[in-house]
């Protein structure tokens, strides 16, 4: 096998992981269940206010997406959403539109609003199905302080076959839960770190039994590693992929059955080393290198890719013999290094 063939196979193998696709099957959405006794305090956001927030976020995205420009984007996007969209603009521009933007609809099917007088506040929105017929999104909207606007903090694609847990109606509101909330099979603060361990270590993880599975997001990552590990072995190199929870970036709202919807930010870092060959860098990878790598530049020893992940979970109440379920996930390449 000549060097060109080996290089092409390595590039194709790396592209296999980057091309992780979640099935477009639409999940089953819940009918919200009213609480027997109205919660106190009342919901922090009325349905009409929530719709106005979504309209404003949608308008900001529409303008920025059309121009592929981050100008004004931080007026309504923050956290993983801002980082992911910024990276996607760079990739879409570098590939002349061949690598398009992730559709983020802002029309709501289901609203999960908080009933609290504290900040920061988080509301969740299950969107309508995007025009490309992929799965609806679960939007996470955060208001950091009383005078702040609600910002799109992140989104996750609902996984195929998922049934969303029932929550209180929007005119009642759902109770926000602290990171160390008791009464759940896993505290919100620990869910993402345990799932990250499972993503990193697979069935060898000490937390494998905590989660239902294998969910399609986890299975896609695990399957995508196989060709890269083979490439590394053939090139006298190594391949590793490590997922980690982002500290203090977890939000939880109660469900009607005493459980919780937990949404968390994570990062996944893939590292490939090799020798005896060169790897031409495609434009979609060079675009998120921060200008350090030019399209087509030849890497001779290593390639590292970092992804911004948003993962949503259903955590059952304590005492229930049921695993934590992954409701949705998003996985977007935001940074590349190489040598």
C-alpha atoms as a PDB file:
ATOM      1  CA  UNK A   1       0.000   0.000   0.000  1.00  0.00           C
ATOM      2  CA  UNK A   2       1.541   3.339  -1.007  1.00  0.00           C
ATOM      3  CA  UNK A   3       1.724   6.420   1.191  1.00  0.00           C
ATOM      4  CA  UNK A   4      -1.082   8.223  -0.649  1.00  0.00           C
ATOM      5  CA  UNK A   5      -3.478   5.324  -0.138  1.00  0.00           C
ATOM      6  CA  UNK A   6      -2.609   5.088   3.543  1.00  0.00           C
ATOM      7  CA  UNK A   7      -3.109   8.821   3.975  1.00  0.00           C
ATOM      8  CA  UNK A   8      -6.483   8.764   2.242  1.00  0.00           C
ATOM      9  CA  UNK A   9      -7.642   5.942   4.473  1.00  0.00           C
ATOM     10  CA  UNK A  10      -6.571   7.833   7.562  1.00  0.00           C
ATOM     11  CA  UNK A  11      -8.423  10.952   6.414  1.00  0.00           C
ATOM     12  CA  UNK A  12     -11.511   8.910   5.604  1.00  0.00           C
ATOM     13  CA  UNK A  13     -11.400   7.251   8.999  1.00  0.00           C
ATOM     14  CA  UNK A  14     -11.227  10.588  10.785  1.00  0.00           C
ATOM     15  CA  UNK A  15     -14.149  11.851   8.744  1.00  0.00           C
ATOM     16  CA  UNK A  16     -16.188   8.870   9.951  1.00  0.00           C
ATOM     17  CA  UNK A  17     -16.203  10.201  13.487  1.00  0.00           C
ATOM     18  CA  UNK A  18     -16.909  13.767  12.391  1.00  0.00           C
ATOM     19  CA  UNK A  19     -19.904  12.511  10.422  1.00  0.00           C
ATOM     20  CA  UNK A  20     -21.777  11.184  13.468  1.00  0.00           C
ATOM     21  CA  UNK A  21     -25.459  11.450  12.568  1.00  0.00           C
ATOM     22  CA  UNK A  22     -28.432  10.937  14.839  1.00  0.00           C
ATOM     23  CA  UNK A  23     -31.460   9.303  13.237  1.00  0.00           C
ATOM     24  CA  UNK A  24     -34.254  11.633  12.162  1.00  0.00           C
ATOM     25  CA  UNK A  25     -36.964   9.545  13.836  1.00  0.00           C
ATOM     26  CA  UNK A  26     -39.161  11.901  15.818  1.00  0.00           C
ATOM     27  CA  UNK A  27     -39.531  11.103  19.537  1.00  0.00           C
ATOM     28  CA  UNK A  28     -42.816  10.859  21.363  1.00  0.00           C
ATOM     29  CA  UNK A  29     -43.665  14.111  23.098  1.00  0.00           C
ATOM     30  CA  UNK A  30     -45.487  14.166  26.438  1.00  0.00           C
ATOM     31  CA  UNK A  31     -48.814  15.580  27.418  1.00  0.00           C
ATOM     32  CA  UNK A  32     -47.945  17.932  30.311  1.00  0.00           C
ATOM     33  CA  UNK A  33     -49.559  16.882  33.580  1.00  0.00           C
ATOM     34  CA  UNK A  34     -50.936  19.594  35.870  1.00  0.00           C
ATOM     35  CA  UNK A  35     -49.905  19.491  39.499  1.00  0.00           C
ATOM     36  CA  UNK A  36     -52.644  18.720  42.046  1.00  0.00           C
ATOM     37  CA  UNK A  37     -51.782  21.874  43.988  1.00  0.00           C
ATOM     38  CA  UNK A  38     -50.407  24.934  42.165  1.00  0.00           C
ATOM     39  CA  UNK A  39     -46.747  25.459  42.943  1.00  0.00           C
ATOM     40  CA  UNK A  40     -45.629  28.503  44.909  1.00  0.00           C
ATOM     41  CA  UNK A  41     -44.059  30.726  43.676  1.00  0.00           C
ATOM     42  CA  UNK A  42     -45.823  31.012  40.303  1.00  0.00           C
ATOM     43  CA  UNK A  43     -43.956  30.319  37.064  1.00  0.00           C
ATOM     44  CA  UNK A  44     -41.186  32.797  36.334  1.00  0.00           C
ATOM     45  CA  UNK A  45     -42.113  32.925  32.636  1.00  0.00           C
ATOM     46  CA  UNK A  46     -45.599  32.951  31.156  1.00  0.00           C
ATOM     47  CA  UNK A  47     -46.228  31.091  27.891  1.00  0.00           C
ATOM     48  CA  UNK A  48     -46.613  34.417  26.084  1.00  0.00           C
ATOM     49  CA  UNK A  49     -43.287  35.648  27.453  1.00  0.00           C
ATOM     50  CA  UNK A  50     -41.629  32.380  26.473  1.00  0.00           C
ATOM     51  CA  UNK A  51     -42.887  32.776  22.916  1.00  0.00           C
ATOM     52  CA  UNK A  52     -41.484  36.309  22.743  1.00  0.00           C
ATOM     53  CA  UNK A  53     -38.110  35.018  23.919  1.00  0.00           C
ATOM     54  CA  UNK A  54     -38.157  32.339  21.229  1.00  0.00           C
ATOM     55  CA  UNK A  55     -39.081  34.909  18.586  1.00  0.00           C
ATOM     56  CA  UNK A  56     -36.149  37.096  19.615  1.00  0.00           C
ATOM     57  CA  UNK A  57     -33.703  34.190  19.599  1.00  0.00           C
ATOM     58  CA  UNK A  58     -35.023  33.068  16.228  1.00  0.00           C
ATOM     59  CA  UNK A  59     -34.632  36.543  14.741  1.00  0.00           C
ATOM     60  CA  UNK A  60     -31.041  36.762  15.967  1.00  0.00           C
ATOM     61  CA  UNK A  61     -30.202  33.357  14.507  1.00  0.00           C
ATOM     62  CA  UNK A  62     -31.867  34.149  11.192  1.00  0.00           C
ATOM     63  CA  UNK A  63     -29.861  37.347  10.745  1.00  0.00           C
ATOM     64  CA  UNK A  64     -26.540  35.848  11.824  1.00  0.00           C
ATOM     65  CA  UNK A  65     -27.046  32.627   9.863  1.00  0.00           C
ATOM     66  CA  UNK A  66     -27.763  34.504   6.656  1.00  0.00           C
ATOM     67  CA  UNK A  67     -24.520  36.454   6.962  1.00  0.00           C
ATOM     68  CA  UNK A  68     -22.491  33.631   8.558  1.00  0.00           C
ATOM     69  CA  UNK A  69     -21.393  36.333  10.965  1.00  0.00           C
ATOM     70  CA  UNK A  70     -21.138  36.370  14.736  1.00  0.00           C
ATOM     71  CA  UNK A  71     -21.920  40.101  14.841  1.00  0.00           C
ATOM     72  CA  UNK A  72     -24.708  40.511  17.381  1.00  0.00           C
ATOM     73  CA  UNK A  73     -24.921  36.770  18.036  1.00  0.00           C
ATOM     74  CA  UNK A  74     -23.914  37.145  21.681  1.00  0.00           C
ATOM     75  CA  UNK A  75     -27.004  39.278  22.274  1.00  0.00           C
ATOM     76  CA  UNK A  76     -29.074  36.086  22.391  1.00  0.00           C
ATOM     77  CA  UNK A  77     -26.618  33.153  22.443  1.00  0.00           C
ATOM     78  CA  UNK A  78     -24.238  32.091  25.193  1.00  0.00           C
ATOM     79  CA  UNK A  79     -22.318  29.065  26.432  1.00  0.00           C
ATOM     80  CA  UNK A  80     -22.155  26.001  24.174  1.00  0.00           C
ATOM     81  CA  UNK A  81     -24.684  27.502  21.748  1.00  0.00           C
ATOM     82  CA  UNK A  82     -22.466  30.508  21.025  1.00  0.00           C
ATOM     83  CA  UNK A  83     -19.293  28.410  20.755  1.00  0.00           C
ATOM     84  CA  UNK A  84     -20.956  25.862  18.477  1.00  0.00           C
ATOM     85  CA  UNK A  85     -22.586  28.397  16.159  1.00  0.00           C
ATOM     86  CA  UNK A  86     -19.360  30.380  15.884  1.00  0.00           C
ATOM     87  CA  UNK A  87     -17.513  27.226  14.833  1.00  0.00           C
ATOM     88  CA  UNK A  88     -20.230  26.288  12.355  1.00  0.00           C
ATOM     89  CA  UNK A  89     -20.030  29.698  10.667  1.00  0.00           C
ATOM     90  CA  UNK A  90     -16.296  29.184  10.160  1.00  0.00           C
ATOM     91  CA  UNK A  91     -16.793  25.687   8.736  1.00  0.00           C
ATOM     92  CA  UNK A  92     -19.669  26.669   6.453  1.00  0.00           C
ATOM     93  CA  UNK A  93     -17.691  29.613   5.088  1.00  0.00           C
ATOM     94  CA  UNK A  94     -14.554  27.512   4.562  1.00  0.00           C
ATOM     95  CA  UNK A  95     -16.450  24.828   2.653  1.00  0.00           C
ATOM     96  CA  UNK A  96     -18.564  27.214   0.536  1.00  0.00           C
ATOM     97  CA  UNK A  97     -21.693  25.853   2.150  1.00  0.00           C
ATOM     98  CA  UNK A  98     -20.906  22.169   1.635  1.00  0.00           C
ATOM     99  CA  UNK A  99     -20.910  21.760   5.403  1.00  0.00           C
ATOM    100  CA  UNK A 100     -24.095  23.509   6.451  1.00  0.00           C
ATOM    101  CA  UNK A 101     -25.428  24.832   9.728  1.00  0.00           C
ATOM    102  CA  UNK A 102     -27.289  22.709  12.232  1.00  0.00           C
ATOM    103  CA  UNK A 103     -30.989  23.639  11.984  1.00  0.00           C
ATOM    104  CA  UNK A 104     -32.191  25.224  15.225  1.00  0.00           C
ATOM    105  CA  UNK A 105     -35.956  25.818  15.033  1.00  0.00           C
ATOM    106  CA  UNK A 106     -37.471  28.146  17.620  1.00  0.00           C
ATOM    107  CA  UNK A 107     -41.143  27.220  17.357  1.00  0.00           C
ATOM    108  CA  UNK A 108     -42.293  25.340  20.454  1.00  0.00           C
ATOM    109  CA  UNK A 109     -44.196  22.106  20.909  1.00  0.00           C
ATOM    110  CA  UNK A 110     -43.681  21.915  24.674  1.00  0.00           C
ATOM    111  CA  UNK A 111     -42.562  24.526  27.217  1.00  0.00           C
ATOM    112  CA  UNK A 112     -40.955  23.628  30.543  1.00  0.00           C
ATOM    113  CA  UNK A 113     -40.745  26.858  32.528  1.00  0.00           C
ATOM    114  CA  UNK A 114     -39.355  27.372  36.038  1.00  0.00           C
ATOM    115  CA  UNK A 115     -41.400  28.383  39.080  1.00  0.00           C
ATOM    116  CA  UNK A 116     -38.824  30.327  41.022  1.00  0.00           C
ATOM    117  CA  UNK A 117     -37.925  33.797  42.223  1.00  0.00           C
ATOM    118  CA  UNK A 118     -34.200  33.114  42.061  1.00  0.00           C
ATOM    119  CA  UNK A 119     -31.554  33.533  39.358  1.00  0.00           C
ATOM    120  CA  UNK A 120     -30.117  32.227  37.163  1.00  0.00           C
ATOM    121  CA  UNK A 121     -33.305  30.852  35.607  1.00  0.00           C
ATOM    122  CA  UNK A 122     -33.552  28.159  32.970  1.00  0.00           C
ATOM    123  CA  UNK A 123     -36.452  27.156  30.766  1.00  0.00           C
ATOM    124  CA  UNK A 124     -36.582  24.240  28.346  1.00  0.00           C
ATOM    125  CA  UNK A 125     -38.321  24.119  24.978  1.00  0.00           C
ATOM    126  CA  UNK A 126     -39.078  21.085  22.834  1.00  0.00           C
ATOM    127  CA  UNK A 127     -39.204  22.513  19.311  1.00  0.00           C
ATOM    128  CA  UNK A 128     -41.144  21.571  16.251  1.00  0.00           C
ATOM    129  CA  UNK A 129     -39.347  19.209  13.874  1.00  0.00           C
ATOM    130  CA  UNK A 130     -36.820  21.054  11.667  1.00  0.00           C
ATOM    131  CA  UNK A 131     -37.423  21.445   7.941  1.00  0.00           C
ATOM    132  CA  UNK A 132     -34.805  18.767   7.210  1.00  0.00           C
ATOM    133  CA  UNK A 133     -36.997  16.287   9.144  1.00  0.00           C
ATOM    134  CA  UNK A 134     -34.311  15.578  11.725  1.00  0.00           C
ATOM    135  CA  UNK A 135     -35.339  15.197  15.346  1.00  0.00           C
ATOM    136  CA  UNK A 136     -36.851  18.096  17.298  1.00  0.00           C
ATOM    137  CA  UNK A 137     -34.442  20.066  19.467  1.00  0.00           C
ATOM    138  CA  UNK A 138     -34.473  20.569  23.195  1.00  0.00           C
ATOM    139  CA  UNK A 139     -33.504  24.227  23.665  1.00  0.00           C
ATOM    140  CA  UNK A 140     -31.994  25.457  26.925  1.00  0.00           C
ATOM    141  CA  UNK A 141     -32.678  29.148  27.607  1.00  0.00           C
ATOM    142  CA  UNK A 142     -30.966  30.861  30.533  1.00  0.00           C
ATOM    143  CA  UNK A 143     -31.545  34.203  32.235  1.00  0.00           C
ATOM    144  CA  UNK A 144     -28.482  35.018  34.333  1.00  0.00           C
ATOM    145  CA  UNK A 145     -29.904  37.937  36.333  1.00  0.00           C
ATOM    146  CA  UNK A 146     -33.104  40.014  36.694  1.00  0.00           C
ATOM    147  CA  UNK A 147     -32.011  42.566  34.082  1.00  0.00           C
ATOM    148  CA  UNK A 148     -30.559  40.054  31.624  1.00  0.00           C
ATOM    149  CA  UNK A 149     -32.211  38.757  28.489  1.00  0.00           C
ATOM    150  CA  UNK A 150     -32.981  35.073  28.171  1.00  0.00           C
ATOM    151  CA  UNK A 151     -30.163  33.565  26.110  1.00  0.00           C
ATOM    152  CA  UNK A 152     -30.012  30.367  24.094  1.00  0.00           C
ATOM    153  CA  UNK A 153     -27.423  28.524  26.186  1.00  0.00           C
ATOM    154  CA  UNK A 154     -27.490  25.271  24.244  1.00  0.00           C
ATOM    155  CA  UNK A 155     -29.526  22.737  22.330  1.00  0.00           C
ATOM    156  CA  UNK A 156     -29.690  18.960  22.022  1.00  0.00           C
ATOM    157  CA  UNK A 157     -31.218  16.771  19.320  1.00  0.00           C
ATOM    158  CA  UNK A 158     -33.772  14.426  20.810  1.00  0.00           C
ATOM    159  CA  UNK A 159     -32.711  10.832  20.263  1.00  0.00           C
ATOM    160  CA  UNK A 160     -34.797   8.411  18.199  1.00  0.00           C
ATOM    161  CA  UNK A 161     -37.624   6.774  20.107  1.00  0.00           C
ATOM    162  CA  UNK A 162     -37.272   9.003  23.158  1.00  0.00           C
ATOM    163  CA  UNK A 163     -40.405   9.669  25.195  1.00  0.00           C
ATOM    164  CA  UNK A 164     -40.048  12.944  27.054  1.00  0.00           C
ATOM    165  CA  UNK A 165     -41.004  12.800  30.737  1.00  0.00           C
ATOM    166  CA  UNK A 166     -44.175  14.624  31.718  1.00  0.00           C
ATOM    167  CA  UNK A 167     -43.764  17.980  33.462  1.00  0.00           C
ATOM    168  CA  UNK A 168     -46.035  20.542  35.080  1.00  0.00           C
ATOM    169  CA  UNK A 169     -48.009  22.734  32.709  1.00  0.00           C
ATOM    170  CA  UNK A 170     -46.469  26.057  31.733  1.00  0.00           C
ATOM    171  CA  UNK A 171     -49.019  28.013  33.780  1.00  0.00           C
ATOM    172  CA  UNK A 172     -47.849  26.152  36.904  1.00  0.00           C
ATOM    173  CA  UNK A 173     -44.138  25.768  36.233  1.00  0.00           C
ATOM    174  CA  UNK A 174     -41.507  23.204  37.187  1.00  0.00           C
ATOM    175  CA  UNK A 175     -39.274  23.428  40.237  1.00  0.00           C
ATOM    176  CA  UNK A 176     -35.579  24.120  39.546  1.00  0.00           C
ATOM    177  CA  UNK A 177     -33.343  21.673  41.401  1.00  0.00           C
ATOM    178  CA  UNK A 178     -29.924  22.415  42.913  1.00  0.00           C
ATOM    179  CA  UNK A 179     -26.840  20.471  41.798  1.00  0.00           C
ATOM    180  CA  UNK A 180     -26.863  18.392  44.985  1.00  0.00           C
ATOM    181  CA  UNK A 181     -30.611  17.729  44.970  1.00  0.00           C
ATOM    182  CA  UNK A 182     -31.613  14.656  46.951  1.00  0.00           C
ATOM    183  CA  UNK A 183     -34.434  12.310  46.033  1.00  0.00           C
ATOM    184  CA  UNK A 184     -33.019  11.258  42.647  1.00  0.00           C
ATOM    185  CA  UNK A 185     -31.169   8.109  41.625  1.00  0.00           C
ATOM    186  CA  UNK A 186     -28.193  10.385  40.805  1.00  0.00           C
ATOM    187  CA  UNK A 187     -27.669  13.981  41.943  1.00  0.00           C
ATOM    188  CA  UNK A 188     -27.765  16.440  39.004  1.00  0.00           C
ATOM    189  CA  UNK A 189     -24.155  17.487  39.610  1.00  0.00           C
ATOM    190  CA  UNK A 190     -22.945  13.899  39.154  1.00  0.00           C
ATOM    191  CA  UNK A 191     -24.934  12.865  36.084  1.00  0.00           C
ATOM    192  CA  UNK A 192     -22.673  14.394  33.429  1.00  0.00           C
ATOM    193  CA  UNK A 193     -19.405  13.253  35.012  1.00  0.00           C
ATOM    194  CA  UNK A 194     -20.701   9.695  35.309  1.00  0.00           C
ATOM    195  CA  UNK A 195     -21.920   9.718  31.715  1.00  0.00           C
ATOM    196  CA  UNK A 196     -18.587  11.188  30.563  1.00  0.00           C
ATOM    197  CA  UNK A 197     -16.841   8.284  32.271  1.00  0.00           C
ATOM    198  CA  UNK A 198     -19.142   5.893  30.418  1.00  0.00           C
ATOM    199  CA  UNK A 199     -18.380   7.570  27.074  1.00  0.00           C
ATOM    200  CA  UNK A 200     -14.657   7.385  27.768  1.00  0.00           C
ATOM    201  CA  UNK A 201     -14.459   3.847  29.133  1.00  0.00           C
ATOM    202  CA  UNK A 202     -17.451   2.108  27.572  1.00  0.00           C
ATOM    203  CA  UNK A 203     -18.770  -0.986  29.294  1.00  0.00           C
ATOM    204  CA  UNK A 204     -15.704  -0.982  31.563  1.00  0.00           C
ATOM    205  CA  UNK A 205     -17.019   2.169  33.263  1.00  0.00           C
ATOM    206  CA  UNK A 206     -18.073   1.819  36.885  1.00  0.00           C
ATOM    207  CA  UNK A 207     -21.235   3.716  35.910  1.00  0.00           C
ATOM    208  CA  UNK A 208     -22.317   1.504  33.002  1.00  0.00           C
ATOM    209  CA  UNK A 209     -25.305   0.177  34.968  1.00  0.00           C
ATOM    210  CA  UNK A 210     -26.494   3.686  35.880  1.00  0.00           C
ATOM    211  CA  UNK A 211     -27.560   4.520  32.321  1.00  0.00           C
ATOM    212  CA  UNK A 212     -30.015   2.909  29.939  1.00  0.00           C
ATOM    213  CA  UNK A 213     -28.390   1.859  26.769  1.00  0.00           C
ATOM    214  CA  UNK A 214     -26.715   1.756  24.578  1.00  0.00           C
ATOM    215  CA  UNK A 215     -28.201   5.088  23.479  1.00  0.00           C
ATOM    216  CA  UNK A 216     -27.584   6.159  19.890  1.00  0.00           C
ATOM    217  CA  UNK A 217     -25.300   9.057  20.840  1.00  0.00           C
ATOM    218  CA  UNK A 218     -22.980   6.848  22.878  1.00  0.00           C
ATOM    219  CA  UNK A 219     -23.101   4.073  20.303  1.00  0.00           C
ATOM    220  CA  UNK A 220     -22.178   6.499  17.538  1.00  0.00           C
ATOM    221  CA  UNK A 221     -19.111   7.737  19.390  1.00  0.00           C
ATOM    222  CA  UNK A 222     -17.952   4.243  20.313  1.00  0.00           C
ATOM    223  CA  UNK A 223     -18.430   2.907  16.786  1.00  0.00           C
ATOM    224  CA  UNK A 224     -16.637   5.890  15.266  1.00  0.00           C
ATOM    225  CA  UNK A 225     -13.515   5.200  17.294  1.00  0.00           C
ATOM    226  CA  UNK A 226     -12.864   1.808  15.731  1.00  0.00           C
ATOM    227  CA  UNK A 227     -11.455   2.920  12.340  1.00  0.00           C
ATOM    228  CA  UNK A 228      -9.316   5.580  13.992  1.00  0.00           C
ATOM    229  CA  UNK A 229      -7.847   3.072  16.413  1.00  0.00           C
ATOM    230  CA  UNK A 230      -7.023   0.864  13.424  1.00  0.00           C
ATOM    231  CA  UNK A 231      -5.363   3.776  11.628  1.00  0.00           C
ATOM    232  CA  UNK A 232      -3.276   4.548  14.700  1.00  0.00           C
ATOM    233  CA  UNK A 233      -2.158   0.939  14.999  1.00  0.00           C
ATOM    234  CA  UNK A 234      -1.155   0.783  11.329  1.00  0.00           C
ATOM    235  CA  UNK A 235       0.773   4.052  11.591  1.00  0.00           C
ATOM    236  CA  UNK A 236       2.673   3.171  14.778  1.00  0.00           C
ATOM    237  CA  UNK A 237       0.581   5.745  16.608  1.00  0.00           C
ATOM    238  CA  UNK A 238      -2.168   6.051  19.182  1.00  0.00           C
ATOM    239  CA  UNK A 239      -5.786   7.099  19.319  1.00  0.00           C
ATOM    240  CA  UNK A 240      -7.734   8.191  22.377  1.00  0.00           C
ATOM    241  CA  UNK A 241     -10.999   9.967  23.053  1.00  0.00           C
ATOM    242  CA  UNK A 242     -11.893  11.451  26.409  1.00  0.00           C
ATOM    243  CA  UNK A 243     -15.165  13.062  27.479  1.00  0.00           C
ATOM    244  CA  UNK A 244     -15.399  15.373  30.482  1.00  0.00           C
ATOM    245  CA  UNK A 245     -18.181  17.297  32.182  1.00  0.00           C
ATOM    246  CA  UNK A 246     -17.873  21.090  32.167  1.00  0.00           C
ATOM    247  CA  UNK A 247     -17.903  22.324  35.788  1.00  0.00           C
ATOM    248  CA  UNK A 248     -20.913  24.341  36.944  1.00  0.00           C
ATOM    249  CA  UNK A 249     -22.723  23.938  33.627  1.00  0.00           C
ATOM    250  CA  UNK A 250     -25.587  21.648  34.678  1.00  0.00           C
ATOM    251  CA  UNK A 251     -29.270  22.593  34.982  1.00  0.00           C
ATOM    252  CA  UNK A 252     -32.154  20.556  36.361  1.00  0.00           C
ATOM    253  CA  UNK A 253     -35.937  20.956  36.419  1.00  0.00           C
ATOM    254  CA  UNK A 254     -38.368  18.627  38.179  1.00  0.00           C
ATOM    255  CA  UNK A 255     -40.675  16.232  36.352  1.00  0.00           C
ATOM    256  CA  UNK A 256     -44.224  15.262  37.285  1.00  0.00           C
ATOM    257  CA  UNK A 257     -43.120  11.928  38.785  1.00  0.00           C
ATOM    258  CA  UNK A 258     -40.541  13.434  41.145  1.00  0.00           C
ATOM    259  CA  UNK A 259     -37.615  12.888  38.804  1.00  0.00           C
ATOM    260  CA  UNK A 260     -35.701  15.514  36.833  1.00  0.00           C
ATOM    261  CA  UNK A 261     -34.682  16.636  33.388  1.00  0.00           C
ATOM    262  CA  UNK A 262     -30.962  17.402  33.640  1.00  0.00           C
ATOM    263  CA  UNK A 263     -29.040  19.207  30.901  1.00  0.00           C
ATOM    264  CA  UNK A 264     -25.264  19.491  31.024  1.00  0.00           C
ATOM    265  CA  UNK A 265     -22.335  20.754  28.983  1.00  0.00           C
ATOM    266  CA  UNK A 266     -19.494  18.379  28.196  1.00  0.00           C
ATOM    267  CA  UNK A 267     -16.400  18.323  26.013  1.00  0.00           C
ATOM    268  CA  UNK A 268     -15.041  15.411  24.007  1.00  0.00           C
ATOM    269  CA  UNK A 269     -11.414  15.480  22.885  1.00  0.00           C
ATOM    270  CA  UNK A 270     -10.093  13.099  20.216  1.00  0.00           C
ATOM    271  CA  UNK A 271      -6.331  12.666  19.824  1.00  0.00           C
ATOM    272  CA  UNK A 272      -4.609  10.821  16.974  1.00  0.00           C
ATOM    273  CA  UNK A 273      -0.848  10.355  16.651  1.00  0.00           C
ATOM    274  CA  UNK A 274       0.899   8.758  13.683  1.00  0.00           C
ATOM    275  CA  UNK A 275       4.295   8.449  12.009  1.00  0.00           C
ATOM    276  CA  UNK A 276       5.717   7.611   8.618  1.00  0.00           C
ATOM    277  CA  UNK A 277       3.032   9.475   6.680  1.00  0.00           C
ATOM    278  CA  UNK A 278       1.395  12.855   6.225  1.00  0.00           C
ATOM    279  CA  UNK A 279      -2.239  13.820   6.661  1.00  0.00           C
ATOM    280  CA  UNK A 280      -3.600  16.670   4.488  1.00  0.00           C
ATOM    281  CA  UNK A 281      -5.889  18.844   6.585  1.00  0.00           C
ATOM    282  CA  UNK A 282      -9.367  19.322   5.049  1.00  0.00           C
ATOM    283  CA  UNK A 283     -10.849  22.844   5.122  1.00  0.00           C
ATOM    284  CA  UNK A 284     -13.570  21.982   7.648  1.00  0.00           C
ATOM    285  CA  UNK A 285     -10.891  21.077  10.198  1.00  0.00           C
ATOM    286  CA  UNK A 286      -8.576  23.964   9.382  1.00  0.00           C
ATOM    287  CA  UNK A 287     -11.514  26.363   9.804  1.00  0.00           C
ATOM    288  CA  UNK A 288     -11.662  25.758  13.562  1.00  0.00           C
ATOM    289  CA  UNK A 289      -7.919  25.792  14.214  1.00  0.00           C
ATOM    290  CA  UNK A 290      -7.969  29.469  15.141  1.00  0.00           C
ATOM    291  CA  UNK A 291      -5.810  30.295  12.130  1.00  0.00           C
ATOM    292  CA  UNK A 292      -2.993  28.029  13.280  1.00  0.00           C
ATOM    293  CA  UNK A 293      -3.465  25.532  10.442  1.00  0.00           C
ATOM    294  CA  UNK A 294      -4.075  26.250   6.759  1.00  0.00           C
ATOM    295  CA  UNK A 295      -6.402  24.138   4.600  1.00  0.00           C
ATOM    296  CA  UNK A 296      -4.400  21.409   2.888  1.00  0.00           C
ATOM    297  CA  UNK A 297      -1.453  21.744   5.243  1.00  0.00           C
ATOM    298  CA  UNK A 298       0.225  18.398   5.900  1.00  0.00           C
ATOM    299  CA  UNK A 299       0.227  17.065   9.416  1.00  0.00           C
ATOM    300  CA  UNK A 300       3.122  14.731  10.165  1.00  0.00           C
ATOM    301  CA  UNK A 301       2.597  13.538  13.706  1.00  0.00           C
ATOM    302  CA  UNK A 302      -0.687  14.440  15.397  1.00  0.00           C
ATOM    303  CA  UNK A 303      -4.247  15.668  15.100  1.00  0.00           C
ATOM    304  CA  UNK A 304      -6.489  16.739  17.969  1.00  0.00           C
ATOM    305  CA  UNK A 305     -10.178  17.620  17.744  1.00  0.00           C
ATOM    306  CA  UNK A 306     -12.368  19.044  20.510  1.00  0.00           C
ATOM    307  CA  UNK A 307     -16.156  18.890  20.438  1.00  0.00           C
ATOM    308  CA  UNK A 308     -18.692  20.888  22.410  1.00  0.00           C
ATOM    309  CA  UNK A 309     -21.389  18.550  23.714  1.00  0.00           C
ATOM    310  CA  UNK A 310     -24.783  19.273  25.240  1.00  0.00           C
ATOM    311  CA  UNK A 311     -26.508  16.220  26.706  1.00  0.00           C
ATOM    312  CA  UNK A 312     -29.991  15.998  28.221  1.00  0.00           C
ATOM    313  CA  UNK A 313     -30.991  13.263  30.665  1.00  0.00           C
ATOM    314  CA  UNK A 314     -34.068  12.013  32.451  1.00  0.00           C
ATOM    315  CA  UNK A 315     -33.119  11.109  36.024  1.00  0.00           C
ATOM    316  CA  UNK A 316     -35.734   8.983  37.829  1.00  0.00           C
ATOM    317  CA  UNK A 317     -36.731   9.610  41.443  1.00  0.00           C
ATOM    318  CA  UNK A 318     -34.886   7.689  44.146  1.00  0.00           C
ATOM    319  CA  UNK A 319     -36.418   4.342  44.982  1.00  0.00           C
ATOM    320  CA  UNK A 320     -37.408   3.620  41.396  1.00  0.00           C
ATOM    321  CA  UNK A 321     -35.613   0.685  39.816  1.00  0.00           C
ATOM    322  CA  UNK A 322     -34.914   2.488  36.558  1.00  0.00           C
ATOM    323  CA  UNK A 323     -31.750   3.778  34.873  1.00  0.00           C
ATOM    324  CA  UNK A 324     -30.910   7.322  33.840  1.00  0.00           C
ATOM    325  CA  UNK A 325     -32.003   7.863  30.240  1.00  0.00           C
ATOM    326  CA  UNK A 326     -30.296  10.049  27.644  1.00  0.00           C
ATOM    327  CA  UNK A 327     -32.984  12.201  26.038  1.00  0.00           C
ATOM    328  CA  UNK A 328     -30.884  14.081  23.525  1.00  0.00           C
ATOM    329  CA  UNK A 329     -27.411  15.259  22.618  1.00  0.00           C
ATOM    330  CA  UNK A 330     -25.479  17.618  20.371  1.00  0.00           C
ATOM    331  CA  UNK A 331     -21.845  17.128  19.353  1.00  0.00           C
ATOM    332  CA  UNK A 332     -20.183  19.924  17.374  1.00  0.00           C
ATOM    333  CA  UNK A 333     -16.512  20.313  16.490  1.00  0.00           C
ATOM    334  CA  UNK A 334     -15.195  23.576  17.908  1.00  0.00           C
ATOM    335  CA  UNK A 335     -11.395  23.301  17.942  1.00  0.00           C
ATOM    336  CA  UNK A 336      -8.592  21.550  16.038  1.00  0.00           C
ATOM    337  CA  UNK A 337      -4.864  21.293  16.698  1.00  0.00           C
ATOM    338  CA  UNK A 338      -2.186  19.474  14.741  1.00  0.00           C
ATOM    339  CA  UNK A 339       1.493  19.099  14.008  1.00  0.00           C
END
